């Protein structure tokens, strides 16, 4: 395996681990909000949502559970399996996480330290996804060159 192939494998695994971590957090938080839409079981108050389009945490909980939680878990598995479009999926997933956190801060304010942390996780996921895509494109070009007899 060449150097770029090793980098791609390590990057895909590290990215997958980050995505699984994000997914577990999103799934746990989303499940908590869906099962108790008042947010009381997680220490939230419905009055935090006064500037948002939501009257309780059910819809935000579903988004958190399905898109951030299950979506990131699926993305993580695809990254670890080095799926062809794992980089692109990771970039979209990271961007969505950043949008989600931005919307949270706009609607409820900066209320917990996890918001900036997960925003940064989204930025890292986006950057690593784009890097993985670039490395895979580079490997594909090298392989194509080898088939054509180029060095």
N, C-alpha and C. Protein backbone atom coordinates (compact mmCIF):
# COMPACT_ATOMS: atom_id res chain seq x y z
N UNK A 1 0.86 -1.18 0.00
CA UNK A 1 0.00 0.00 0.00
C UNK A 1 0.90 1.24 0.00
N UNK A 2 0.57 2.18 -0.86
CA UNK A 2 1.39 3.39 -0.93
C UNK A 2 1.07 4.33 0.23
N UNK A 3 1.87 5.39 0.32
CA UNK A 3 1.73 6.34 1.43
C UNK A 3 0.36 7.01 1.47
N UNK A 4 -0.15 7.38 0.29
CA UNK A 4 -1.47 8.03 0.25
C UNK A 4 -2.57 7.06 0.68
N UNK A 5 -2.42 5.80 0.33
CA UNK A 5 -3.40 4.79 0.74
C UNK A 5 -3.42 4.62 2.25
N UNK A 6 -2.24 4.66 2.88
CA UNK A 6 -2.16 4.57 4.34
C UNK A 6 -2.80 5.78 5.00
N UNK A 7 -2.52 6.96 4.44
CA UNK A 7 -3.11 8.19 4.98
C UNK A 7 -4.63 8.14 4.85
N UNK A 8 -5.09 7.67 3.71
CA UNK A 8 -6.53 7.57 3.48
C UNK A 8 -7.19 6.64 4.48
N UNK A 9 -6.57 5.50 4.72
CA UNK A 9 -7.12 4.52 5.67
C UNK A 9 -7.16 5.09 7.09
N UNK A 10 -6.06 5.72 7.52
CA UNK A 10 -6.02 6.31 8.87
C UNK A 10 -7.01 7.46 9.01
N UNK A 11 -7.08 8.29 7.99
CA UNK A 11 -8.00 9.43 8.02
C UNK A 11 -9.44 8.94 8.07
N UNK A 12 -9.77 7.94 7.26
CA UNK A 12 -11.14 7.41 7.24
C UNK A 12 -11.51 6.82 8.59
N UNK A 13 -10.58 6.12 9.24
CA UNK A 13 -10.86 5.54 10.54
C UNK A 13 -11.04 6.62 11.60
N UNK A 14 -10.14 7.59 11.63
CA UNK A 14 -10.25 8.68 12.61
C UNK A 14 -11.53 9.49 12.41
N UNK A 15 -11.86 9.78 11.17
CA UNK A 15 -13.10 10.49 10.85
C UNK A 15 -14.30 9.67 11.30
N UNK A 16 -14.26 8.38 11.04
CA UNK A 16 -15.36 7.50 11.46
C UNK A 16 -15.54 7.50 12.97
N UNK A 17 -14.44 7.49 13.71
CA UNK A 17 -14.53 7.53 15.18
C UNK A 17 -15.19 8.83 15.65
N UNK A 18 -14.79 9.95 15.06
CA UNK A 18 -15.41 11.24 15.40
C UNK A 18 -16.90 11.21 15.10
N UNK A 19 -17.26 10.69 13.94
CA UNK A 19 -18.67 10.64 13.55
C UNK A 19 -19.49 9.74 14.48
N UNK A 20 -18.92 8.62 14.88
CA UNK A 20 -19.63 7.74 15.81
C UNK A 20 -19.82 8.44 17.15
N UNK A 21 -18.80 9.15 17.61
CA UNK A 21 -18.92 9.91 18.86
C UNK A 21 -20.04 10.94 18.77
N UNK A 22 -20.04 11.71 17.67
CA UNK A 22 -21.10 12.71 17.46
C UNK A 22 -22.46 12.02 17.40
N UNK A 23 -22.53 10.92 16.69
CA UNK A 23 -23.78 10.19 16.55
C UNK A 23 -24.33 9.65 17.85
N UNK A 24 -23.45 9.13 18.69
CA UNK A 24 -23.91 8.62 19.99
C UNK A 24 -24.47 9.74 20.85
N UNK A 25 -23.79 10.88 20.85
CA UNK A 25 -24.29 12.04 21.60
C UNK A 25 -25.62 12.54 21.06
N UNK A 26 -25.72 12.63 19.73
CA UNK A 26 -26.96 13.09 19.11
C UNK A 26 -28.12 12.13 19.34
N UNK A 27 -27.83 10.84 19.24
CA UNK A 27 -28.89 9.84 19.44
C UNK A 27 -29.37 9.85 20.90
N UNK A 28 -28.44 9.94 21.83
CA UNK A 28 -28.83 9.96 23.25
C UNK A 28 -29.63 11.22 23.58
N UNK A 29 -29.15 12.37 23.16
CA UNK A 29 -29.86 13.62 23.42
C UNK A 29 -31.21 13.67 22.72
N UNK A 30 -31.24 13.24 21.47
CA UNK A 30 -32.49 13.22 20.72
C UNK A 30 -33.51 12.28 21.32
N UNK A 31 -33.06 11.10 21.74
CA UNK A 31 -33.96 10.14 22.38
C UNK A 31 -34.55 10.73 23.66
N UNK A 32 -33.70 11.39 24.44
CA UNK A 32 -34.17 12.02 25.67
C UNK A 32 -35.22 13.09 25.41
N UNK A 33 -35.06 13.86 24.36
CA UNK A 33 -36.02 14.92 24.04
C UNK A 33 -37.31 14.36 23.43
N UNK A 34 -37.20 13.30 22.66
CA UNK A 34 -38.40 12.69 22.06
C UNK A 34 -39.24 12.01 23.12
N UNK A 35 -38.59 11.34 24.06
CA UNK A 35 -39.35 10.64 25.10
C UNK A 35 -39.95 11.59 26.13
N UNK A 36 -39.37 12.77 26.29
CA UNK A 36 -39.90 13.79 27.21
C UNK A 36 -39.79 15.15 26.55
N UNK A 37 -40.76 15.50 25.68
CA UNK A 37 -40.68 16.74 24.90
C UNK A 37 -40.61 18.03 25.74
N UNK A 38 -40.90 17.95 27.02
CA UNK A 38 -40.74 19.15 27.86
C UNK A 38 -39.26 19.44 28.12
N UNK A 39 -38.41 18.45 27.93
CA UNK A 39 -36.98 18.60 28.18
C UNK A 39 -36.59 18.47 29.63
N UNK A 40 -37.56 18.24 30.50
CA UNK A 40 -37.30 18.19 31.94
C UNK A 40 -36.30 17.10 32.31
N UNK A 41 -36.34 15.96 31.62
CA UNK A 41 -35.42 14.87 31.96
C UNK A 41 -33.96 15.20 31.63
N UNK A 42 -33.74 16.20 30.80
CA UNK A 42 -32.38 16.63 30.48
C UNK A 42 -32.03 17.98 31.11
N UNK A 43 -32.94 18.49 31.94
CA UNK A 43 -32.69 19.76 32.62
C UNK A 43 -33.00 20.99 31.78
N UNK A 44 -33.75 20.83 30.70
CA UNK A 44 -34.14 21.96 29.86
C UNK A 44 -35.51 22.47 30.27
N UNK A 45 -35.77 23.71 29.96
CA UNK A 45 -37.08 24.31 30.20
C UNK A 45 -37.67 24.74 28.86
N UNK A 46 -38.95 24.53 28.69
CA UNK A 46 -39.63 24.87 27.44
C UNK A 46 -39.54 26.37 27.14
N UNK A 47 -39.42 27.20 28.18
CA UNK A 47 -39.34 28.64 27.94
C UNK A 47 -38.08 29.04 27.17
N UNK A 48 -37.07 28.16 27.11
CA UNK A 48 -35.89 28.43 26.28
C UNK A 48 -36.26 28.52 24.80
N UNK A 49 -37.36 27.88 24.43
CA UNK A 49 -37.78 27.82 23.02
C UNK A 49 -38.63 29.02 22.60
N UNK A 50 -38.78 30.01 23.45
CA UNK A 50 -39.68 31.13 23.15
C UNK A 50 -39.33 31.88 21.86
N UNK A 51 -38.05 31.91 21.46
CA UNK A 51 -37.64 32.60 20.24
C UNK A 51 -37.51 31.65 19.05
N UNK A 52 -37.90 30.41 19.26
CA UNK A 52 -37.80 29.40 18.20
C UNK A 52 -39.18 29.11 17.62
N UNK A 53 -39.23 28.38 16.52
CA UNK A 53 -40.53 28.02 15.96
C UNK A 53 -41.18 26.81 16.66
N UNK A 54 -40.59 26.34 17.74
CA UNK A 54 -41.07 25.12 18.40
C UNK A 54 -41.71 25.43 19.75
N UNK A 55 -42.78 24.70 20.07
CA UNK A 55 -43.45 24.89 21.35
C UNK A 55 -42.93 23.91 22.40
N UNK A 56 -42.30 22.83 21.95
CA UNK A 56 -41.65 21.88 22.85
C UNK A 56 -40.46 21.27 22.12
N UNK A 57 -39.82 20.28 22.73
CA UNK A 57 -38.59 19.72 22.18
C UNK A 57 -38.80 18.50 21.29
N UNK A 58 -40.04 18.18 20.94
CA UNK A 58 -40.29 16.98 20.14
C UNK A 58 -39.62 17.07 18.77
N UNK A 59 -39.90 18.10 18.00
CA UNK A 59 -39.32 18.22 16.65
C UNK A 59 -37.79 18.39 16.71
N UNK A 60 -37.27 19.28 17.57
CA UNK A 60 -35.81 19.34 17.68
C UNK A 60 -35.20 18.00 18.11
N UNK A 61 -35.91 17.28 18.98
CA UNK A 61 -35.43 15.97 19.41
C UNK A 61 -35.40 14.97 18.28
N UNK A 62 -36.43 15.00 17.43
CA UNK A 62 -36.45 14.10 16.27
C UNK A 62 -35.32 14.42 15.30
N UNK A 63 -35.09 15.71 15.07
CA UNK A 63 -33.99 16.11 14.19
C UNK A 63 -32.66 15.66 14.78
N UNK A 64 -32.49 15.90 16.07
CA UNK A 64 -31.26 15.51 16.75
C UNK A 64 -31.07 13.99 16.70
N UNK A 65 -32.12 13.25 16.97
CA UNK A 65 -32.04 11.79 16.97
C UNK A 65 -31.76 11.24 15.58
N UNK A 66 -32.56 11.66 14.60
CA UNK A 66 -32.48 11.04 13.27
C UNK A 66 -31.32 11.59 12.44
N UNK A 67 -31.24 12.91 12.33
CA UNK A 67 -30.24 13.50 11.42
C UNK A 67 -28.85 13.50 12.05
N UNK A 68 -28.74 14.09 13.24
CA UNK A 68 -27.43 14.17 13.88
C UNK A 68 -27.01 12.81 14.44
N UNK A 69 -27.91 12.17 15.19
CA UNK A 69 -27.58 10.89 15.82
C UNK A 69 -27.40 9.75 14.84
N UNK A 70 -28.50 9.31 14.25
CA UNK A 70 -28.44 8.16 13.35
C UNK A 70 -27.67 8.48 12.07
N UNK A 71 -27.81 9.72 11.58
CA UNK A 71 -27.07 10.13 10.39
C UNK A 71 -25.56 10.08 10.60
N UNK A 72 -25.11 10.57 11.75
CA UNK A 72 -23.67 10.55 12.04
C UNK A 72 -23.17 9.13 12.29
N UNK A 73 -23.99 8.30 12.94
CA UNK A 73 -23.59 6.90 13.13
C UNK A 73 -23.43 6.20 11.79
N UNK A 74 -24.39 6.40 10.89
CA UNK A 74 -24.30 5.80 9.56
C UNK A 74 -23.09 6.34 8.80
N UNK A 75 -22.87 7.65 8.90
CA UNK A 75 -21.70 8.26 8.24
C UNK A 75 -20.40 7.68 8.78
N UNK A 76 -20.36 7.47 10.09
CA UNK A 76 -19.17 6.89 10.70
C UNK A 76 -18.87 5.49 10.20
N UNK A 77 -19.91 4.70 10.08
CA UNK A 77 -19.73 3.33 9.56
C UNK A 77 -19.23 3.39 8.12
N UNK A 78 -19.84 4.27 7.31
CA UNK A 78 -19.41 4.39 5.91
C UNK A 78 -17.96 4.87 5.81
N UNK A 79 -17.56 5.78 6.70
CA UNK A 79 -16.16 6.23 6.70
C UNK A 79 -15.22 5.09 7.06
N UNK A 80 -15.57 4.34 8.09
CA UNK A 80 -14.70 3.24 8.52
C UNK A 80 -14.61 2.13 7.47
N UNK A 81 -15.69 1.95 6.71
CA UNK A 81 -15.68 0.96 5.63
C UNK A 81 -15.06 1.53 4.36
N UNK A 82 -14.66 2.79 4.40
CA UNK A 82 -14.04 3.50 3.28
C UNK A 82 -14.94 3.48 2.04
N UNK A 83 -16.20 3.75 2.29
CA UNK A 83 -17.17 3.86 1.20
C UNK A 83 -16.72 4.94 0.22
N UNK A 84 -17.01 4.74 -1.03
CA UNK A 84 -16.54 5.62 -2.10
C UNK A 84 -16.84 7.10 -1.84
N UNK A 85 -18.03 7.41 -1.34
CA UNK A 85 -18.42 8.80 -1.13
C UNK A 85 -18.41 9.19 0.35
N UNK A 86 -17.63 8.52 1.16
CA UNK A 86 -17.59 8.81 2.60
C UNK A 86 -17.14 10.24 2.87
N UNK A 87 -16.20 10.74 2.11
CA UNK A 87 -15.73 12.11 2.31
C UNK A 87 -16.81 13.14 2.06
N UNK A 88 -17.54 12.96 0.98
CA UNK A 88 -18.62 13.88 0.66
C UNK A 88 -19.73 13.83 1.70
N UNK A 89 -20.06 12.61 2.14
CA UNK A 89 -21.10 12.45 3.16
C UNK A 89 -20.66 13.09 4.47
N UNK A 90 -19.40 12.92 4.83
CA UNK A 90 -18.87 13.53 6.05
C UNK A 90 -18.92 15.06 5.97
N UNK A 91 -18.57 15.60 4.81
CA UNK A 91 -18.59 17.06 4.65
C UNK A 91 -20.01 17.60 4.84
N UNK A 92 -20.98 16.93 4.25
CA UNK A 92 -22.37 17.36 4.39
C UNK A 92 -22.83 17.21 5.84
N UNK A 93 -22.47 16.11 6.46
CA UNK A 93 -22.84 15.87 7.85
C UNK A 93 -22.24 16.93 8.78
N UNK A 94 -20.97 17.26 8.56
CA UNK A 94 -20.32 18.29 9.36
C UNK A 94 -20.95 19.65 9.17
N UNK A 95 -21.28 19.97 7.92
CA UNK A 95 -21.94 21.25 7.64
C UNK A 95 -23.31 21.32 8.31
N UNK A 96 -24.04 20.22 8.26
CA UNK A 96 -25.36 20.21 8.89
C UNK A 96 -25.24 20.38 10.40
N UNK A 97 -24.24 19.74 11.01
CA UNK A 97 -24.04 19.90 12.45
C UNK A 97 -23.75 21.36 12.79
N UNK A 98 -22.94 22.02 11.99
CA UNK A 98 -22.62 23.43 12.23
C UNK A 98 -23.87 24.30 12.08
N UNK A 99 -24.70 24.01 11.08
CA UNK A 99 -25.96 24.75 10.89
C UNK A 99 -26.89 24.51 12.07
N UNK A 100 -26.97 23.26 12.53
CA UNK A 100 -27.82 22.90 13.66
C UNK A 100 -27.41 23.67 14.92
N UNK A 101 -26.12 23.72 15.20
CA UNK A 101 -25.64 24.41 16.39
C UNK A 101 -25.87 25.93 16.24
N UNK A 102 -25.64 26.46 15.06
CA UNK A 102 -25.88 27.89 14.82
C UNK A 102 -27.35 28.23 15.07
N UNK A 103 -28.26 27.39 14.57
CA UNK A 103 -29.69 27.62 14.78
C UNK A 103 -30.01 27.56 16.27
N UNK A 104 -29.44 26.60 16.97
CA UNK A 104 -29.65 26.50 18.43
C UNK A 104 -29.25 27.79 19.13
N UNK A 105 -28.07 28.27 18.82
CA UNK A 105 -27.56 29.48 19.49
C UNK A 105 -28.43 30.69 19.15
N UNK A 106 -28.89 30.76 17.90
CA UNK A 106 -29.78 31.87 17.51
C UNK A 106 -31.10 31.82 18.27
N UNK A 107 -31.63 30.62 18.45
CA UNK A 107 -32.95 30.47 19.06
C UNK A 107 -32.93 30.46 20.58
N UNK A 108 -31.95 29.75 21.18
CA UNK A 108 -31.97 29.62 22.64
C UNK A 108 -30.78 30.27 23.32
N UNK A 109 -29.84 30.78 22.53
CA UNK A 109 -28.66 31.39 23.10
C UNK A 109 -27.57 30.37 23.37
N UNK A 110 -26.42 30.87 23.75
CA UNK A 110 -25.29 30.01 24.10
C UNK A 110 -25.51 29.57 25.54
N UNK A 111 -26.06 28.38 25.72
CA UNK A 111 -26.49 27.95 27.05
C UNK A 111 -25.59 26.91 27.69
N UNK A 112 -24.88 26.12 26.88
CA UNK A 112 -24.00 25.07 27.43
C UNK A 112 -22.70 25.04 26.63
N UNK A 113 -21.64 24.58 27.26
CA UNK A 113 -20.33 24.51 26.63
C UNK A 113 -20.29 23.49 25.49
N UNK A 114 -21.27 22.59 25.44
CA UNK A 114 -21.31 21.59 24.38
C UNK A 114 -21.61 22.21 23.01
N UNK A 115 -22.29 23.35 22.99
CA UNK A 115 -22.62 23.98 21.71
C UNK A 115 -21.37 24.39 20.93
N UNK A 116 -20.45 25.16 21.50
CA UNK A 116 -19.24 25.48 20.72
C UNK A 116 -18.37 24.25 20.45
N UNK A 117 -18.37 23.30 21.39
CA UNK A 117 -17.58 22.08 21.18
C UNK A 117 -18.10 21.31 19.97
N UNK A 118 -19.42 21.11 19.89
CA UNK A 118 -19.98 20.36 18.77
C UNK A 118 -19.94 21.16 17.47
N UNK A 119 -19.96 22.48 17.56
CA UNK A 119 -19.75 23.29 16.36
C UNK A 119 -18.35 23.01 15.81
N UNK A 120 -17.37 22.97 16.70
CA UNK A 120 -16.00 22.66 16.29
C UNK A 120 -15.89 21.24 15.73
N UNK A 121 -16.59 20.29 16.36
CA UNK A 121 -16.61 18.93 15.83
C UNK A 121 -17.16 18.92 14.40
N UNK A 122 -18.22 19.72 14.17
CA UNK A 122 -18.78 19.80 12.82
C UNK A 122 -17.79 20.37 11.83
N UNK A 123 -17.05 21.40 12.25
CA UNK A 123 -16.03 22.00 11.38
C UNK A 123 -14.92 21.01 11.07
N UNK A 124 -14.50 20.26 12.08
CA UNK A 124 -13.45 19.24 11.87
C UNK A 124 -13.98 18.14 10.95
N UNK A 125 -15.21 17.71 11.17
CA UNK A 125 -15.80 16.68 10.32
C UNK A 125 -15.87 17.16 8.86
N UNK A 126 -16.29 18.38 8.66
CA UNK A 126 -16.36 18.97 7.32
C UNK A 126 -14.97 18.99 6.68
N UNK A 127 -13.98 19.48 7.41
CA UNK A 127 -12.62 19.59 6.88
C UNK A 127 -12.03 18.21 6.58
N UNK A 128 -12.21 17.26 7.49
CA UNK A 128 -11.67 15.91 7.27
C UNK A 128 -12.38 15.22 6.11
N UNK A 129 -13.67 15.46 5.97
CA UNK A 129 -14.40 14.89 4.84
C UNK A 129 -13.86 15.41 3.52
N UNK A 130 -13.60 16.72 3.44
CA UNK A 130 -13.05 17.30 2.21
C UNK A 130 -11.63 16.79 1.96
N UNK A 131 -10.85 16.64 3.03
CA UNK A 131 -9.50 16.11 2.88
C UNK A 131 -9.52 14.66 2.40
N UNK A 132 -10.41 13.86 2.96
CA UNK A 132 -10.54 12.46 2.53
C UNK A 132 -10.91 12.40 1.05
N UNK A 133 -11.83 13.24 0.65
CA UNK A 133 -12.24 13.30 -0.76
C UNK A 133 -11.04 13.63 -1.65
N UNK A 134 -10.26 14.61 -1.22
CA UNK A 134 -9.11 15.04 -2.01
C UNK A 134 -8.05 13.93 -2.12
N UNK A 135 -7.79 13.24 -1.01
CA UNK A 135 -6.81 12.15 -1.03
C UNK A 135 -7.30 11.01 -1.94
N UNK A 136 -8.58 10.69 -1.85
CA UNK A 136 -9.12 9.61 -2.69
C UNK A 136 -9.04 9.99 -4.17
N UNK A 137 -9.31 11.25 -4.50
CA UNK A 137 -9.18 11.70 -5.89
C UNK A 137 -7.73 11.58 -6.36
N UNK A 138 -6.80 11.93 -5.49
CA UNK A 138 -5.39 11.85 -5.82
C UNK A 138 -4.97 10.40 -6.07
N UNK A 139 -5.44 9.49 -5.22
CA UNK A 139 -5.13 8.07 -5.39
C UNK A 139 -5.71 7.56 -6.71
N UNK A 140 -6.94 7.97 -7.01
CA UNK A 140 -7.57 7.53 -8.26
C UNK A 140 -6.78 8.03 -9.47
N UNK A 141 -6.27 9.26 -9.41
CA UNK A 141 -5.47 9.79 -10.52
C UNK A 141 -4.15 9.02 -10.66
N UNK A 142 -3.53 8.69 -9.53
CA UNK A 142 -2.29 7.91 -9.58
C UNK A 142 -2.52 6.54 -10.20
N UNK A 143 -3.62 5.90 -9.79
CA UNK A 143 -3.93 4.57 -10.35
C UNK A 143 -4.24 4.65 -11.83
N UNK A 144 -4.92 5.68 -12.24
CA UNK A 144 -5.23 5.88 -13.65
C UNK A 144 -3.94 6.09 -14.44
N UNK A 145 -3.02 6.86 -13.87
CA UNK A 145 -1.73 7.08 -14.52
C UNK A 145 -0.93 5.80 -14.66
N UNK A 146 -0.96 4.95 -13.63
CA UNK A 146 -0.27 3.67 -13.69
C UNK A 146 -0.84 2.79 -14.79
N UNK A 147 -2.16 2.81 -14.94
CA UNK A 147 -2.80 1.99 -16.00
C UNK A 147 -2.40 2.48 -17.39
N UNK A 148 -2.15 3.76 -17.51
CA UNK A 148 -1.76 4.33 -18.79
C UNK A 148 -0.25 4.25 -19.02
N UNK A 149 0.48 3.67 -18.05
CA UNK A 149 1.93 3.51 -18.19
C UNK A 149 2.73 4.70 -17.73
N UNK A 150 2.11 5.63 -17.02
CA UNK A 150 2.83 6.81 -16.52
C UNK A 150 3.39 6.49 -15.13
N UNK A 151 4.39 7.25 -14.73
CA UNK A 151 4.93 7.06 -13.38
C UNK A 151 4.48 8.16 -12.48
